[in-house]
PDB file of N, CA and C in Angstrom:
ATOM      1  N   MET A   1      98.206 110.744 121.925  1.00  0.00           N
ATOM      2  CA  MET A   1      98.378 109.357 122.276  1.00  0.00           C
ATOM      3  C   MET A   1      99.871 109.049 122.322  1.00  0.00           C
ATOM      4  N   SER A   2     100.277 108.333 123.307  1.00  0.00           N
ATOM      5  CA  SER A   2     101.672 107.941 123.445  1.00  0.00           C
ATOM      6  C   SER A   2     102.085 107.024 122.300  1.00  0.00           C
ATOM      7  N   ALA A   3     103.319 107.129 121.866  1.00  0.00           N
ATOM      8  CA  ALA A   3     103.853 106.239 120.832  1.00  0.00           C
ATOM      9  C   ALA A   3     103.921 104.803 121.344  1.00  0.00           C
ATOM     10  N   LEU A   4     103.870 104.635 122.646  1.00  0.00           N
ATOM     11  CA  LEU A   4     103.944 103.288 123.207  1.00  0.00           C
ATOM     12  C   LEU A   4     102.689 102.467 122.965  1.00  0.00           C
ATOM     13  N   LEU A   5     101.533 103.103 122.922  1.00  0.00           N
ATOM     14  CA  LEU A   5     100.294 102.340 122.779  1.00  0.00           C
ATOM     15  C   LEU A   5     100.191 101.630 121.426  1.00  0.00           C
ATOM     16  N   PRO A   6     100.383 102.314 120.295  1.00  0.00           N
ATOM     17  CA  PRO A   6     100.347 101.576 119.030  1.00  0.00           C
ATOM     18  C   PRO A   6     101.462 100.536 118.930  1.00  0.00           C
ATOM     19  N   THR A   7     102.607 100.823 119.532  1.00  0.00           N
ATOM     20  CA  THR A   7     103.698  99.855 119.553  1.00  0.00           C
ATOM     21  C   THR A   7     103.287  98.617 120.343  1.00  0.00           C
ATOM     22  N   ALA A   8     102.605  98.837 121.446  1.00  0.00           N
ATOM     23  CA  ALA A   8     102.116  97.708 122.250  1.00  0.00           C
ATOM     24  C   ALA A   8     101.102  96.880 121.466  1.00  0.00           C
ATOM     25  N   PHE A   9     100.215  97.547 120.730  1.00  0.00           N
ATOM     26  CA  PHE A   9      99.247  96.815 119.914  1.00  0.00           C
ATOM     27  C   PHE A   9      99.957  95.985 118.839  1.00  0.00           C
ATOM     28  N   ALA A  10     100.924  96.577 118.167  1.00  0.00           N
ATOM     29  CA  ALA A  10     101.651  95.861 117.117  1.00  0.00           C
ATOM     30  C   ALA A  10     102.387  94.656 117.698  1.00  0.00           C
ATOM     31  N   THR A  11     103.030  94.859 118.827  1.00  0.00           N
ATOM     32  CA  THR A  11     103.751  93.769 119.482  1.00  0.00           C
ATOM     33  C   THR A  11     102.788  92.667 119.913  1.00  0.00           C
ATOM     34  N   ALA A  12     101.679  93.062 120.513  1.00  0.00           N
ATOM     35  CA  ALA A  12     100.683  92.082 120.947  1.00  0.00           C
ATOM     36  C   ALA A  12     100.097  91.324 119.758  1.00  0.00           C
ATOM     37  N   GLY A  13      99.920  92.024 118.647  1.00  0.00           N
ATOM     38  CA  GLY A  13      99.360  91.360 117.474  1.00  0.00           C
ATOM     39  C   GLY A  13     100.282  90.307 116.904  1.00  0.00           C
ATOM     40  N   LEU A  14     101.556  90.629 116.775  1.00  0.00           N
ATOM     41  CA  LEU A  14     102.500  89.664 116.216  1.00  0.00           C
ATOM     42  C   LEU A  14     102.739  88.491 117.166  1.00  0.00           C
ATOM     43  N   LEU A  15     102.996  88.789 118.427  1.00  0.00           N
ATOM     44  CA  LEU A  15     103.217  87.714 119.399  1.00  0.00           C
ATOM     45  C   LEU A  15     101.934  86.954 119.711  1.00  0.00           C
ATOM     46  N   GLY A  16     100.879  87.707 119.953  1.00  0.00           N
ATOM     47  CA  GLY A  16      99.602  87.087 120.329  1.00  0.00           C
ATOM     48  C   GLY A  16      98.956  86.325 119.195  1.00  0.00           C
ATOM     49  N   GLY A  17      99.093  86.852 117.980  1.00  0.00           N
ATOM     50  CA  GLY A  17      98.534  86.135 116.828  1.00  0.00           C
ATOM     51  C   GLY A  17      99.191  84.788 116.642  1.00  0.00           C
ATOM     52  N   TYR A  18     100.511  84.754 116.749  1.00  0.00           N
ATOM     53  CA  TYR A  18     101.222  83.489 116.619  1.00  0.00           C
ATOM     54  C   TYR A  18     100.853  82.544 117.757  1.00  0.00           C
ATOM     55  N   GLN A  19     100.883  83.055 118.980  1.00  0.00           N
ATOM     56  CA  GLN A  19     100.575  82.200 120.128  1.00  0.00           C
ATOM     57  C   GLN A  19      99.149  81.659 120.056  1.00  0.00           C
ATOM     58  N   THR A  20      98.213  82.490 119.638  1.00  0.00           N
ATOM     59  CA  THR A  20      96.828  82.050 119.520  1.00  0.00           C
ATOM     60  C   THR A  20      96.701  80.940 118.483  1.00  0.00           C
ATOM     61  N   ALA A  21      97.316  81.132 117.317  1.00  0.00           N
ATOM     62  CA  ALA A  21      97.266  80.114 116.263  1.00  0.00           C
ATOM     63  C   ALA A  21      97.918  78.817 116.735  1.00  0.00           C
ATOM     64  N   ARG A  22      99.019  78.949 117.426  1.00  0.00           N
ATOM     65  CA  ARG A  22      99.735  77.765 117.900  1.00  0.00           C
ATOM     66  C   ARG A  22      98.958  77.028 118.984  1.00  0.00           C
ATOM     67  N   ALA A  23      98.443  77.764 119.946  1.00  0.00           N
ATOM     68  CA  ALA A  23      97.750  77.135 121.078  1.00  0.00           C
ATOM     69  C   ALA A  23      96.420  76.508 120.680  1.00  0.00           C
ATOM     70  N   THR A  24      95.704  77.165 119.778  1.00  0.00           N
ATOM     71  CA  THR A  24      94.377  76.666 119.395  1.00  0.00           C
ATOM     72  C   THR A  24      94.414  75.786 118.155  1.00  0.00           C
ATOM     73  N   LYS A  25      95.560  75.777 117.457  1.00  0.00           N
ATOM     74  CA  LYS A  25      95.698  75.088 116.172  1.00  0.00           C
ATOM     75  C   LYS A  25      94.688  75.607 115.149  1.00  0.00           C
ATOM     76  N   ASN A  26      94.365  76.893 115.298  1.00  0.00           N
ATOM     77  CA  ASN A  26      93.397  77.557 114.415  1.00  0.00           C
ATOM     78  C   ASN A  26      94.072  78.803 113.847  1.00  0.00           C
ATOM     79  N   ARG A  27      94.568  78.679 112.618  1.00  0.00           N
ATOM     80  CA  ARG A  27      95.293  79.785 111.999  1.00  0.00           C
ATOM     81  C   ARG A  27      94.407  81.006 111.773  1.00  0.00           C
ATOM     82  N   GLN A  28      93.124  80.756 111.486  1.00  0.00           N
ATOM     83  CA  GLN A  28      92.211  81.874 111.250  1.00  0.00           C
ATOM     84  C   GLN A  28      92.013  82.699 112.527  1.00  0.00           C
ATOM     85  N   LEU A  29      91.961  82.041 113.653  1.00  0.00           N
ATOM     86  CA  LEU A  29      91.821  82.764 114.920  1.00  0.00           C
ATOM     87  C   LEU A  29      93.082  83.591 115.198  1.00  0.00           C
ATOM     88  N   GLY A  30      94.239  83.013 114.933  1.00  0.00           N
ATOM     89  CA  GLY A  30      95.483  83.772 115.066  1.00  0.00           C
ATOM     90  C   GLY A  30      95.506  84.965 114.132  1.00  0.00           C
ATOM     91  N   GLY A  31      94.991  84.773 112.922  1.00  0.00           N
ATOM     92  CA  GLY A  31      94.902  85.871 111.961  1.00  0.00           C
ATOM     93  C   GLY A  31      93.947  86.958 112.431  1.00  0.00           C
ATOM     94  N   ALA A  32      92.884  86.561 113.101  1.00  0.00           N
ATOM     95  CA  ALA A  32      91.935  87.547 113.629  1.00  0.00           C
ATOM     96  C   ALA A  32      92.584  88.391 114.715  1.00  0.00           C
ATOM     97  N   VAL A  33      93.380  87.762 115.570  1.00  0.00           N
ATOM     98  CA  VAL A  33      94.118  88.505 116.606  1.00  0.00           C
ATOM     99  C   VAL A  33      95.102  89.462 115.939  1.00  0.00           C
ATOM    100  N   LEU A  34      95.825  88.968 114.942  1.00  0.00           N
ATOM    101  CA  LEU A  34      96.783  89.791 114.199  1.00  0.00           C
ATOM    102  C   LEU A  34      96.080  90.989 113.558  1.00  0.00           C
ATOM    103  N   ALA A  35      94.939  90.753 112.932  1.00  0.00           N
ATOM    104  CA  ALA A  35      94.210  91.825 112.249  1.00  0.00           C
ATOM    105  C   ALA A  35      93.642  92.851 113.233  1.00  0.00           C
ATOM    106  N   ALA A  36      93.058  92.384 114.321  1.00  0.00           N
ATOM    107  CA  ALA A  36      92.466  93.310 115.301  1.00  0.00           C
ATOM    108  C   ALA A  36      93.537  94.201 115.928  1.00  0.00           C
ATOM    109  N   ALA A  37      94.650  93.596 116.324  1.00  0.00           N
ATOM    110  CA  ALA A  37      95.723  94.384 116.932  1.00  0.00           C
ATOM    111  C   ALA A  37      96.359  95.315 115.901  1.00  0.00           C
ATOM    112  N   GLY A  38      96.497  94.848 114.670  1.00  0.00           N
ATOM    113  CA  GLY A  38      97.050  95.692 113.608  1.00  0.00           C
ATOM    114  C   GLY A  38      96.172  96.890 113.315  1.00  0.00           C
ATOM    115  N   THR A  39      94.867  96.683 113.350  1.00  0.00           N
ATOM    116  CA  THR A  39      93.933  97.796 113.140  1.00  0.00           C
ATOM    117  C   THR A  39      94.057  98.821 114.260  1.00  0.00           C
ATOM    118  N   ALA A  40      94.137  98.349 115.493  1.00  0.00           N
ATOM    119  CA  ALA A  40      94.292  99.264 116.627  1.00  0.00           C
ATOM    120  C   ALA A  40      95.619 100.019 116.525  1.00  0.00           C
ATOM    121  N   ALA A  41      96.685  99.325 116.138  1.00  0.00           N
ATOM    122  CA  ALA A  41      97.984  99.991 115.977  1.00  0.00           C
ATOM    123  C   ALA A  41      97.900 101.042 114.874  1.00  0.00           C
ATOM    124  N   PHE A  42      97.282 100.687 113.741  1.00  0.00           N
ATOM    125  CA  PHE A  42      97.155 101.628 112.629  1.00  0.00           C
ATOM    126  C   PHE A  42      96.436 102.903 113.066  1.00  0.00           C
ATOM    127  N   LEU A  43      95.348 102.752 113.799  1.00  0.00           N
ATOM    128  CA  LEU A  43      94.592 103.930 114.237  1.00  0.00           C
ATOM    129  C   LEU A  43      95.434 104.815 115.156  1.00  0.00           C
ATOM    130  N   GLY A  44      96.232 104.194 116.022  1.00  0.00           N
ATOM    131  CA  GLY A  44      97.121 104.970 116.885  1.00  0.00           C
ATOM    132  C   GLY A  44      98.209 105.670 116.094  1.00  0.00           C
ATOM    133  N   TRP A  45      98.804 104.954 115.134  1.00  0.00           N
ATOM    134  CA  TRP A  45      99.832 105.581 114.290  1.00  0.00           C
ATOM    135  C   TRP A  45      99.255 106.737 113.489  1.00  0.00           C
ATOM    136  N   LYS A  46      98.053 106.547 112.988  1.00  0.00           N
ATOM    137  CA  LYS A  46      97.411 107.600 112.193  1.00  0.00           C
ATOM    138  C   LYS A  46      97.179 108.845 113.041  1.00  0.00           C
ATOM    139  N   LYS A  47      96.710 108.648 114.253  1.00  0.00           N
ATOM    140  CA  LYS A  47      96.459 109.781 115.143  1.00  0.00           C
ATOM    141  C   LYS A  47      97.766 110.485 115.504  1.00  0.00           C
ATOM    142  N   ASN A  48      98.800 109.710 115.739  1.00  0.00           N
ATOM    143  CA  ASN A  48     100.084 110.277 116.156  1.00  0.00           C
ATOM    144  C   ASN A  48     100.872 110.899 115.015  1.00  0.00           C
ATOM    145  N   ALA A  49     100.985 110.180 113.916  1.00  0.00           N
ATOM    146  CA  ALA A  49     101.962 110.548 112.896  1.00  0.00           C
ATOM    147  C   ALA A  49     101.368 110.807 111.518  1.00  0.00           C
ATOM    148  N   GLY A  50     100.071 110.647 111.377  1.00  0.00           N
ATOM    149  CA  GLY A  50      99.432 110.903 110.097  1.00  0.00           C
ATOM    150  C   GLY A  50      99.198 109.632 109.289  1.00  0.00           C
ATOM    151  N   ALA A  51      98.375 109.774 108.267  1.00  0.00           N
ATOM    152  CA  ALA A  51      97.941 108.621 107.473  1.00  0.00           C
ATOM    153  C   ALA A  51      99.086 107.976 106.701  1.00  0.00           C
ATOM    154  N   GLY A  52      99.971 108.771 106.135  1.00  0.00           N
ATOM    155  CA  GLY A  52     101.071 108.217 105.350  1.00  0.00           C
ATOM    156  C   GLY A  52     102.008 107.360 106.184  1.00  0.00           C
ATOM    157  N   THR A  53     102.384 107.873 107.332  1.00  0.00           N
ATOM    158  CA  THR A  53     103.264 107.114 108.227  1.00  0.00           C
ATOM    159  C   THR A  53     102.544 105.886 108.753  1.00  0.00           C
ATOM    160  N   ALA A  54     101.268 106.048 109.073  1.00  0.00           N
ATOM    161  CA  ALA A  54     100.489 104.896 109.543  1.00  0.00           C
ATOM    162  C   ALA A  54     100.435 103.803 108.486  1.00  0.00           C
ATOM    163  N   ALA A  55     100.251 104.183 107.237  1.00  0.00           N
ATOM    164  CA  ALA A  55     100.223 103.195 106.154  1.00  0.00           C
ATOM    165  C   ALA A  55     101.574 102.504 106.022  1.00  0.00           C
ATOM    166  N   ALA A  56     102.652 103.262 106.135  1.00  0.00           N
ATOM    167  CA  ALA A  56     103.997 102.676 106.046  1.00  0.00           C
ATOM    168  C   ALA A  56     104.245 101.704 107.210  1.00  0.00           C
ATOM    169  N   LEU A  57     103.828 102.076 108.401  1.00  0.00           N
ATOM    170  CA  LEU A  57     104.026 101.198 109.553  1.00  0.00           C
ATOM    171  C   LEU A  57     103.121  99.969 109.478  1.00  0.00           C
ATOM    172  N   ALA A  58     101.910 100.141 108.970  1.00  0.00           N
ATOM    173  CA  ALA A  58     101.021  98.988 108.781  1.00  0.00           C
ATOM    174  C   ALA A  58     101.606  98.029 107.750  1.00  0.00           C
ATOM    175  N   THR A  59     102.218  98.575 106.710  1.00  0.00           N
ATOM    176  CA  THR A  59     102.881  97.742 105.716  1.00  0.00           C
ATOM    177  C   THR A  59     104.042  96.992 106.359  1.00  0.00           C
ATOM    178  N   THR A  60     104.786  97.668 107.197  1.00  0.00           N
ATOM    179  CA  THR A  60     105.880  97.024 107.927  1.00  0.00           C
ATOM    180  C   THR A  60     105.352  95.874 108.772  1.00  0.00           C
ATOM    181  N   TYR A  61     104.237  96.100 109.436  1.00  0.00           N
ATOM    182  CA  TYR A  61     103.594  95.087 110.289  1.00  0.00           C
ATOM    183  C   TYR A  61     103.228  93.848 109.470  1.00  0.00           C
ATOM    184  N   VAL A  62     102.590  94.061 108.332  1.00  0.00           N
ATOM    185  CA  VAL A  62     102.170  92.937 107.486  1.00  0.00           C
ATOM    186  C   VAL A  62     103.389  92.229 106.895  1.00  0.00           C
ATOM    187  N   LEU A  63     104.377  93.000 106.451  1.00  0.00           N
ATOM    188  CA  LEU A  63     105.599  92.387 105.911  1.00  0.00           C
ATOM    189  C   LEU A  63     106.351  91.604 106.989  1.00  0.00           C
ATOM    190  N   ALA A  64     106.328  92.096 108.208  1.00  0.00           N
ATOM    191  CA  ALA A  64     106.969  91.377 109.313  1.00  0.00           C
ATOM    192  C   ALA A  64     106.296  90.029 109.524  1.00  0.00           C
ATOM    193  N   PHE A  65     104.991  90.017 109.489  1.00  0.00           N
ATOM    194  CA  PHE A  65     104.247  88.758 109.611  1.00  0.00           C
ATOM    195  C   PHE A  65     104.654  87.804 108.504  1.00  0.00           C
ATOM    196  N   GLY A  66     104.693  88.300 107.284  1.00  0.00           N
ATOM    197  CA  GLY A  66     105.072  87.464 106.153  1.00  0.00           C
ATOM    198  C   GLY A  66     106.513  86.992 106.238  1.00  0.00           C
ATOM    199  N   ALA A  67     107.402  87.853 106.669  1.00  0.00           N
ATOM    200  CA  ALA A  67     108.822  87.507 106.763  1.00  0.00           C
ATOM    201  C   ALA A  67     109.097  86.483 107.857  1.00  0.00           C
ATOM    202  N   SER A  68     108.225  86.419 108.841  1.00  0.00           N
ATOM    203  CA  SER A  68     108.456  85.469 109.929  1.00  0.00           C
ATOM    204  C   SER A  68     108.391  84.021 109.450  1.00  0.00           C
ATOM    205  N   HIS A  69     107.643  83.772 108.399  1.00  0.00           N
ATOM    206  CA  HIS A  69     107.486  82.390 107.925  1.00  0.00           C
ATOM    207  C   HIS A  69     108.776  81.825 107.332  1.00  0.00           C
ATOM    208  N   PRO A  70     109.381  82.461 106.337  1.00  0.00           N
ATOM    209  CA  PRO A  70     110.653  81.897 105.839  1.00  0.00           C
ATOM    210  C   PRO A  70     111.782  82.015 106.862  1.00  0.00           C
ATOM    211  N   LEU A  71     111.735  83.037 107.691  1.00  0.00           N
ATOM    212  CA  LEU A  71     112.745  83.191 108.726  1.00  0.00           C
ATOM    213  C   LEU A  71     112.661  82.045 109.732  1.00  0.00           C
ATOM    214  N   ALA A  72     111.446  81.581 110.001  1.00  0.00           N
ATOM    215  CA  ALA A  72     111.250  80.482 110.954  1.00  0.00           C
ATOM    216  C   ALA A  72     111.937  79.208 110.480  1.00  0.00           C
ATOM    217  N   LYS A  73     112.026  79.022 109.181  1.00  0.00           N
ATOM    218  CA  LYS A  73     112.699  77.827 108.646  1.00  0.00           C
ATOM    219  C   LYS A  73     114.201  77.871 108.907  1.00  0.00           C
ATOM    220  N   LYS A  74     114.729  79.067 109.065  1.00  0.00           N
ATOM    221  CA  LYS A  74     116.163  79.226 109.289  1.00  0.00           C
ATOM    222  C   LYS A  74     116.538  79.256 110.772  1.00  0.00           C
ATOM    223  N   MET A  75     115.654  79.837 111.604  1.00  0.00           N
ATOM    224  CA  MET A  75     116.038  80.035 113.008  1.00  0.00           C
ATOM    225  C   MET A  75     115.053  79.469 114.017  1.00  0.00           C
ATOM    226  N   GLY A  76     113.929  78.950 113.562  1.00  0.00           N
ATOM    227  CA  GLY A  76     112.908  78.460 114.483  1.00  0.00           C
ATOM    228  C   GLY A  76     111.766  79.460 114.589  1.00  0.00           C
ATOM    229  N   ALA A  77     110.609  78.948 114.967  1.00  0.00           N
ATOM    230  CA  ALA A  77     109.392  79.763 114.962  1.00  0.00           C
ATOM    231  C   ALA A  77     109.456  80.937 115.940  1.00  0.00           C
ATOM    232  N   TRP A  78     109.682  80.652 117.216  1.00  0.00           N
ATOM    233  CA  TRP A  78     109.676  81.732 118.197  1.00  0.00           C
ATOM    234  C   TRP A  78     110.784  82.744 117.970  1.00  0.00           C
ATOM    235  N   PRO A  79     112.013  82.321 117.685  1.00  0.00           N
ATOM    236  CA  PRO A  79     113.040  83.332 117.397  1.00  0.00           C
ATOM    237  C   PRO A  79     112.675  84.222 116.208  1.00  0.00           C
ATOM    238  N   ALA A  80     112.041  83.646 115.200  1.00  0.00           N
ATOM    239  CA  ALA A  80     111.620  84.439 114.044  1.00  0.00           C
ATOM    240  C   ALA A  80     110.550  85.444 114.439  1.00  0.00           C
ATOM    241  N   VAL A  81     109.585  85.007 115.223  1.00  0.00           N
ATOM    242  CA  VAL A  81     108.517  85.909 115.663  1.00  0.00           C
ATOM    243  C   VAL A  81     109.095  87.019 116.534  1.00  0.00           C
ATOM    244  N   TYR A  82     109.991  86.675 117.429  1.00  0.00           N
ATOM    245  CA  TYR A  82     110.621  87.698 118.267  1.00  0.00           C
ATOM    246  C   TYR A  82     111.412  88.703 117.433  1.00  0.00           C
ATOM    247  N   THR A  83     112.118  88.211 116.427  1.00  0.00           N
ATOM    248  CA  THR A  83     112.936  89.084 115.588  1.00  0.00           C
ATOM    249  C   THR A  83     112.083  90.086 114.818  1.00  0.00           C
ATOM    250  N   VAL A  84     111.028  89.606 114.149  1.00  0.00           N
ATOM    251  CA  VAL A  84     110.197  90.531 113.361  1.00  0.00           C
ATOM    252  C   VAL A  84     109.397  91.450 114.271  1.00  0.00           C
ATOM    253  N   THR A  85     109.043  90.966 115.450  1.00  0.00           N
ATOM    254  CA  THR A  85     108.317  91.810 116.403  1.00  0.00           C
ATOM    255  C   THR A  85     109.220  92.936 116.891  1.00  0.00           C
ATOM    256  N   ALA A  86     110.462  92.618 117.199  1.00  0.00           N
ATOM    257  CA  ALA A  86     111.401  93.649 117.649  1.00  0.00           C
ATOM    258  C   ALA A  86     111.632  94.685 116.562  1.00  0.00           C
ATOM    259  N   ALA A  87     111.798  94.245 115.336  1.00  0.00           N
ATOM    260  CA  ALA A  87     112.009  95.182 114.226  1.00  0.00           C
ATOM    261  C   ALA A  87     110.803  96.094 114.036  1.00  0.00           C
ATOM    262  N   THR A  88     109.617  95.522 114.141  1.00  0.00           N
ATOM    263  CA  THR A  88     108.392  96.314 113.996  1.00  0.00           C
ATOM    264  C   THR A  88     108.256  97.307 115.148  1.00  0.00           C
ATOM    265  N   ALA A  89     108.577  96.887 116.347  1.00  0.00           N
ATOM    266  CA  ALA A  89     108.495  97.778 117.508  1.00  0.00           C
ATOM    267  C   ALA A  89     109.466  98.947 117.383  1.00  0.00           C
ATOM    268  N   VAL A  90     110.673  98.674 116.918  1.00  0.00           N
ATOM    269  CA  VAL A  90     111.661  99.750 116.731  1.00  0.00           C
ATOM    270  C   VAL A  90     111.156 100.745 115.690  1.00  0.00           C
ATOM    271  N   ALA A  91     110.627 100.240 114.578  1.00  0.00           N
ATOM    272  CA  ALA A  91     110.085 101.129 113.544  1.00  0.00           C
ATOM    273  C   ALA A  91     108.931 101.953 114.094  1.00  0.00           C
ATOM    274  N   SER A  92     108.069 101.317 114.870  1.00  0.00           N
ATOM    275  CA  SER A  92     106.929 102.018 115.448  1.00  0.00           C
ATOM    276  C   SER A  92     107.371 103.123 116.393  1.00  0.00           C
ATOM    277  N   LEU A  93     108.332 102.830 117.233  1.00  0.00           N
ATOM    278  CA  LEU A  93     108.814 103.845 118.178  1.00  0.00           C
ATOM    279  C   LEU A  93     109.540 104.983 117.469  1.00  0.00           C
ATOM    280  N   ALA A  94     110.257 104.652 116.407  1.00  0.00           N
ATOM    281  CA  ALA A  94     111.011 105.680 115.688  1.00  0.00           C
ATOM    282  C   ALA A  94     110.122 106.563 114.839  1.00  0.00           C
ATOM    283  N   LEU A  95     109.121 105.978 114.189  1.00  0.00           N
ATOM    284  CA  LEU A  95     108.323 106.728 113.215  1.00  0.00           C
ATOM    285  C   LEU A  95     106.920 107.080 113.687  1.00  0.00           C
ATOM    286  N   GLY A  96     106.419 106.366 114.674  1.00  0.00           N
ATOM    287  CA  GLY A  96     105.021 106.531 115.084  1.00  0.00           C
ATOM    288  C   GLY A  96     104.773 107.555 116.161  1.00  0.00           C
ATOM    289  N   ARG A  97     105.756 108.404 116.402  1.00  0.00           N
ATOM    290  CA  ARG A  97     105.599 109.436 117.441  1.00  0.00           C
ATOM    291  C   ARG A  97     104.648 110.525 116.982  1.00  0.00           C
ATOM    292  N   THR A  98     104.166 111.259 117.937  1.00  0.00           N
ATOM    293  CA  THR A  98     103.279 112.390 117.653  1.00  0.00           C
ATOM    294  C   THR A  98     104.021 113.421 116.826  1.00  0.00           C
ATOM    295  N   ARG A  99     103.403 113.824 115.749  1.00  0.00           N
ATOM    296  CA  ARG A  99     104.027 114.847 114.902  1.00  0.00           C
ATOM    297  C   ARG A  99     103.846 116.214 115.540  1.00  0.00           C
ATOM    298  N   LYS A 100     104.767 117.084 115.244  1.00  0.00           N
ATOM    299  CA  LYS A 100     104.719 118.415 115.858  1.00  0.00           C
ATOM    300  C   LYS A 100     104.081 119.420 114.949  1.00  0.00           C
TER     301      LYS A 100
END
């Protein structure tokens, strides 16, 4: 599996989860999008890089979600979401590649 696919899932989960919660005013629905995309990303990372790396990247994903909240108070909601999404994508591309 390409390293791009789990990265795409992680990116879609962070951006899409926020957008879904914002557009529908339903935080639980946004959380469901975040969880579904995170699960798909985890499975891709696990296949590519193994369970340990997948767990580390999934932790990064969840921490990024959590970090976006206090960061949003400093820089605004969308800039915070973009920032944590970019950081998560870089980590995914760097660590989530197929192991040799």
